Amino acid sequence: MKALLAIIPLALLAACGAKNELEPPKQASLPPKPYGAADKPTADQLLTPDAQARPERSDELLKESKERKPDPFDLPPN
């Protein structure tokens, strides 16, 4: 019983490492076109995240460190 309980988590960890291309199921239709859209988006368009879903990363480093001003609202608890 203990051996079975030890194998189950290992099997679950091995299964989550698979990376395959996403495809719609066979004989299944894509979602209907969005309201107000001129045409129905393709599977590739639906799988590509827009800029709001994946914003670009800002790699600007801190150029100078500055002392913080004292915060008048940073009070100890009563």
N, C-alpha and C. Protein backbone atom coordinates (compact mmCIF):
# COMPACT_ATOMS: atom_id res chain seq x y z
N MET A 1 0.83 -1.19 0.00
CA MET A 1 0.00 0.00 0.00
C MET A 1 0.87 1.26 0.00
N LYS A 2 1.95 1.24 0.83
CA LYS A 2 2.84 2.40 0.89
C LYS A 2 3.56 2.61 -0.44
N ALA A 3 3.91 1.51 -1.10
CA ALA A 3 4.58 1.63 -2.40
C ALA A 3 3.65 2.26 -3.43
N LEU A 4 2.38 1.90 -3.38
CA LEU A 4 1.41 2.48 -4.31
C LEU A 4 1.23 3.97 -4.06
N LEU A 5 1.21 4.37 -2.79
CA LEU A 5 1.07 5.79 -2.46
C LEU A 5 2.31 6.58 -2.87
N ALA A 6 3.46 5.94 -2.92
CA ALA A 6 4.69 6.62 -3.35
C ALA A 6 4.75 6.74 -4.86
N ILE A 7 4.15 5.80 -5.59
CA ILE A 7 4.21 5.81 -7.06
C ILE A 7 3.24 6.82 -7.66
N ILE A 8 2.09 7.01 -7.05
CA ILE A 8 1.07 7.91 -7.61
C ILE A 8 1.58 9.33 -7.79
N PRO A 9 2.21 9.98 -6.79
CA PRO A 9 2.71 11.34 -7.02
C PRO A 9 3.78 11.40 -8.10
N LEU A 10 4.62 10.37 -8.19
CA LEU A 10 5.65 10.36 -9.24
C LEU A 10 5.02 10.27 -10.63
N ALA A 11 3.98 9.49 -10.76
CA ALA A 11 3.31 9.37 -12.05
C ALA A 11 2.64 10.69 -12.43
N LEU A 12 2.08 11.38 -11.45
CA LEU A 12 1.45 12.67 -11.73
C LEU A 12 2.48 13.71 -12.14
N LEU A 13 3.65 13.71 -11.50
CA LEU A 13 4.70 14.65 -11.86
C LEU A 13 5.24 14.37 -13.25
N ALA A 14 5.35 13.11 -13.62
CA ALA A 14 5.85 12.77 -14.95
C ALA A 14 4.86 13.19 -16.03
N ALA A 15 3.57 13.16 -15.73
CA ALA A 15 2.56 13.49 -16.73
C ALA A 15 2.49 14.98 -17.01
N CYS A 16 2.86 15.82 -16.06
CA CYS A 16 2.68 17.26 -16.27
C CYS A 16 3.84 17.87 -17.05
N GLY A 17 4.85 17.09 -17.45
CA GLY A 17 5.97 17.62 -18.20
C GLY A 17 5.76 17.57 -19.70
N ALA A 18 4.67 16.99 -20.18
CA ALA A 18 4.44 16.86 -21.61
C ALA A 18 4.01 18.21 -22.19
N LYS A 19 4.66 18.56 -23.31
CA LYS A 19 4.30 19.81 -23.99
C LYS A 19 4.02 19.48 -25.44
N ASN A 20 2.79 19.61 -25.84
CA ASN A 20 2.38 19.37 -27.22
C ASN A 20 1.70 20.61 -27.76
N GLU A 21 1.64 20.70 -29.08
CA GLU A 21 0.92 21.80 -29.70
C GLU A 21 -0.57 21.66 -29.39
N LEU A 22 -1.21 22.76 -29.09
CA LEU A 22 -2.64 22.74 -28.82
C LEU A 22 -3.41 22.72 -30.13
N GLU A 23 -4.37 21.87 -30.20
CA GLU A 23 -5.21 21.77 -31.38
C GLU A 23 -6.64 21.57 -30.92
N PRO A 24 -7.61 22.06 -31.71
CA PRO A 24 -9.00 21.78 -31.33
C PRO A 24 -9.29 20.29 -31.50
N PRO A 25 -10.19 19.74 -30.71
CA PRO A 25 -10.53 18.32 -30.85
C PRO A 25 -11.06 18.03 -32.25
N LYS A 26 -10.82 16.80 -32.72
CA LYS A 26 -11.30 16.42 -34.04
C LYS A 26 -12.82 16.45 -34.07
N GLN A 27 -13.37 16.87 -35.19
CA GLN A 27 -14.81 16.97 -35.43
C GLN A 27 -15.49 17.93 -34.45
N ALA A 28 -14.74 18.88 -33.92
CA ALA A 28 -15.32 19.89 -33.05
C ALA A 28 -15.15 21.24 -33.74
N SER A 29 -16.14 22.08 -33.61
CA SER A 29 -16.06 23.38 -34.26
C SER A 29 -15.43 24.39 -33.30
N LEU A 30 -14.85 25.42 -33.88
CA LEU A 30 -14.30 26.50 -33.07
C LEU A 30 -15.44 27.32 -32.49
N PRO A 31 -15.17 28.15 -31.50
CA PRO A 31 -16.23 28.97 -30.93
C PRO A 31 -16.83 29.91 -31.99
N PRO A 32 -18.05 30.36 -31.78
CA PRO A 32 -18.65 31.27 -32.76
C PRO A 32 -17.90 32.60 -32.80
N LYS A 33 -18.10 33.34 -33.90
CA LYS A 33 -17.38 34.61 -34.01
C LYS A 33 -17.88 35.58 -32.95
N PRO A 34 -16.98 36.42 -32.43
CA PRO A 34 -17.37 37.40 -31.41
C PRO A 34 -18.36 38.41 -31.97
N TYR A 35 -19.17 38.94 -31.08
CA TYR A 35 -20.18 39.93 -31.49
C TYR A 35 -19.47 41.16 -32.06
N GLY A 36 -19.87 41.57 -33.22
CA GLY A 36 -19.31 42.75 -33.86
C GLY A 36 -18.06 42.47 -34.68
N ALA A 37 -17.56 41.25 -34.69
CA ALA A 37 -16.36 40.93 -35.48
C ALA A 37 -16.76 40.71 -36.93
N ALA A 38 -15.86 41.06 -37.83
CA ALA A 38 -16.15 40.91 -39.25
C ALA A 38 -16.09 39.44 -39.67
N ASP A 39 -15.13 38.68 -39.14
CA ASP A 39 -15.03 37.27 -39.50
C ASP A 39 -14.65 36.44 -38.28
N LYS A 40 -14.78 35.13 -38.43
CA LYS A 40 -14.51 34.20 -37.34
C LYS A 40 -13.00 34.03 -37.19
N PRO A 41 -12.44 34.16 -35.97
CA PRO A 41 -10.99 33.99 -35.80
C PRO A 41 -10.57 32.54 -36.00
N THR A 42 -9.34 32.36 -36.48
CA THR A 42 -8.80 31.02 -36.68
C THR A 42 -8.29 30.47 -35.34
N ALA A 43 -7.90 29.20 -35.35
CA ALA A 43 -7.38 28.58 -34.12
C ALA A 43 -6.09 29.26 -33.68
N ASP A 44 -5.23 29.62 -34.65
CA ASP A 44 -3.97 30.29 -34.29
C ASP A 44 -4.24 31.67 -33.68
N GLN A 45 -5.22 32.39 -34.19
CA GLN A 45 -5.54 33.69 -33.63
C GLN A 45 -6.10 33.56 -32.22
N LEU A 46 -6.87 32.51 -31.97
CA LEU A 46 -7.44 32.30 -30.64
C LEU A 46 -6.36 31.89 -29.63
N LEU A 47 -5.31 31.20 -30.10
CA LEU A 47 -4.26 30.74 -29.20
C LEU A 47 -3.17 31.77 -28.96
N THR A 48 -3.15 32.84 -29.76
CA THR A 48 -2.15 33.89 -29.59
C THR A 48 -2.66 34.91 -28.59
N PRO A 49 -1.98 35.09 -27.44
CA PRO A 49 -2.46 36.07 -26.46
C PRO A 49 -2.23 37.49 -26.96
N ASP A 50 -3.13 38.38 -26.59
CA ASP A 50 -2.97 39.78 -26.97
C ASP A 50 -2.03 40.49 -25.99
N ALA A 51 -1.75 41.74 -26.26
CA ALA A 51 -0.79 42.49 -25.44
C ALA A 51 -1.28 42.66 -24.01
N GLN A 52 -2.58 42.71 -23.82
CA GLN A 52 -3.10 42.89 -22.46
C GLN A 52 -2.96 41.60 -21.65
N ALA A 53 -3.05 40.46 -22.31
CA ALA A 53 -2.92 39.18 -21.61
C ALA A 53 -1.46 38.89 -21.27
N ARG A 54 -0.54 39.31 -22.12
CA ARG A 54 0.89 39.08 -21.89
C ARG A 54 1.63 40.39 -22.13
N PRO A 55 1.66 41.27 -21.14
CA PRO A 55 2.35 42.55 -21.33
C PRO A 55 3.85 42.34 -21.47
N GLU A 56 4.47 43.27 -22.17
CA GLU A 56 5.92 43.19 -22.34
C GLU A 56 6.61 43.50 -21.02
N ARG A 57 7.76 42.93 -20.85
CA ARG A 57 8.51 43.10 -19.61
C ARG A 57 9.35 44.37 -19.70
N SER A 58 9.39 45.10 -18.62
CA SER A 58 10.21 46.29 -18.55
C SER A 58 11.49 45.93 -17.80
N ASP A 59 12.62 46.01 -18.49
CA ASP A 59 13.90 45.65 -17.88
C ASP A 59 14.69 46.86 -17.44
N GLU A 60 14.02 47.97 -17.23
CA GLU A 60 14.74 49.17 -16.82
C GLU A 60 15.25 48.98 -15.39
N LEU A 61 16.53 49.14 -15.23
CA LEU A 61 17.13 48.96 -13.91
C LEU A 61 17.09 50.26 -13.14
N LEU A 62 17.15 50.15 -11.85
CA LEU A 62 17.19 51.33 -10.99
C LEU A 62 18.55 52.00 -11.16
N LYS A 63 18.53 53.24 -11.59
CA LYS A 63 19.79 53.94 -11.87
C LYS A 63 20.39 54.54 -10.60
N GLU A 64 19.57 55.07 -9.74
CA GLU A 64 20.06 55.67 -8.50
C GLU A 64 19.15 55.24 -7.36
N SER A 65 19.75 55.00 -6.21
CA SER A 65 18.92 54.74 -5.05
C SER A 65 18.70 56.06 -4.31
N LYS A 66 17.51 56.26 -3.83
CA LYS A 66 17.18 57.50 -3.14
C LYS A 66 16.58 57.17 -1.78
N GLU A 67 16.84 58.00 -0.82
CA GLU A 67 16.26 57.83 0.51
C GLU A 67 14.76 58.10 0.43
N ARG A 68 14.01 57.28 1.13
CA ARG A 68 12.58 57.51 1.18
C ARG A 68 12.27 58.61 2.17
N LYS A 69 11.26 59.40 1.84
CA LYS A 69 10.80 60.42 2.77
C LYS A 69 10.03 59.73 3.89
N PRO A 70 10.06 60.28 5.09
CA PRO A 70 9.28 59.66 6.17
C PRO A 70 7.78 59.69 5.85
N ASP A 71 7.12 58.60 6.15
CA ASP A 71 5.68 58.49 5.88
C ASP A 71 4.94 58.86 7.16
N PRO A 72 4.14 59.95 7.13
CA PRO A 72 3.42 60.35 8.35
C PRO A 72 2.32 59.36 8.74
N PHE A 73 1.91 58.49 7.82
CA PHE A 73 0.85 57.54 8.12
C PHE A 73 1.39 56.17 8.55
N ASP A 74 2.70 56.00 8.58
CA ASP A 74 3.31 54.75 9.01
C ASP A 74 3.47 54.79 10.53
N LEU A 75 2.37 54.51 11.22
CA LEU A 75 2.34 54.61 12.68
C LEU A 75 2.35 53.20 13.28
N PRO A 76 2.93 53.06 14.46
CA PRO A 76 2.88 51.75 15.13
C PRO A 76 1.46 51.44 15.59
N PRO A 77 1.13 50.15 15.73
CA PRO A 77 -0.23 49.81 16.20
C PRO A 77 -0.48 50.31 17.61
N ASN A 78 -1.73 50.61 17.89
CA ASN A 78 -2.10 51.08 19.24
C ASN A 78 -2.17 49.95 20.22
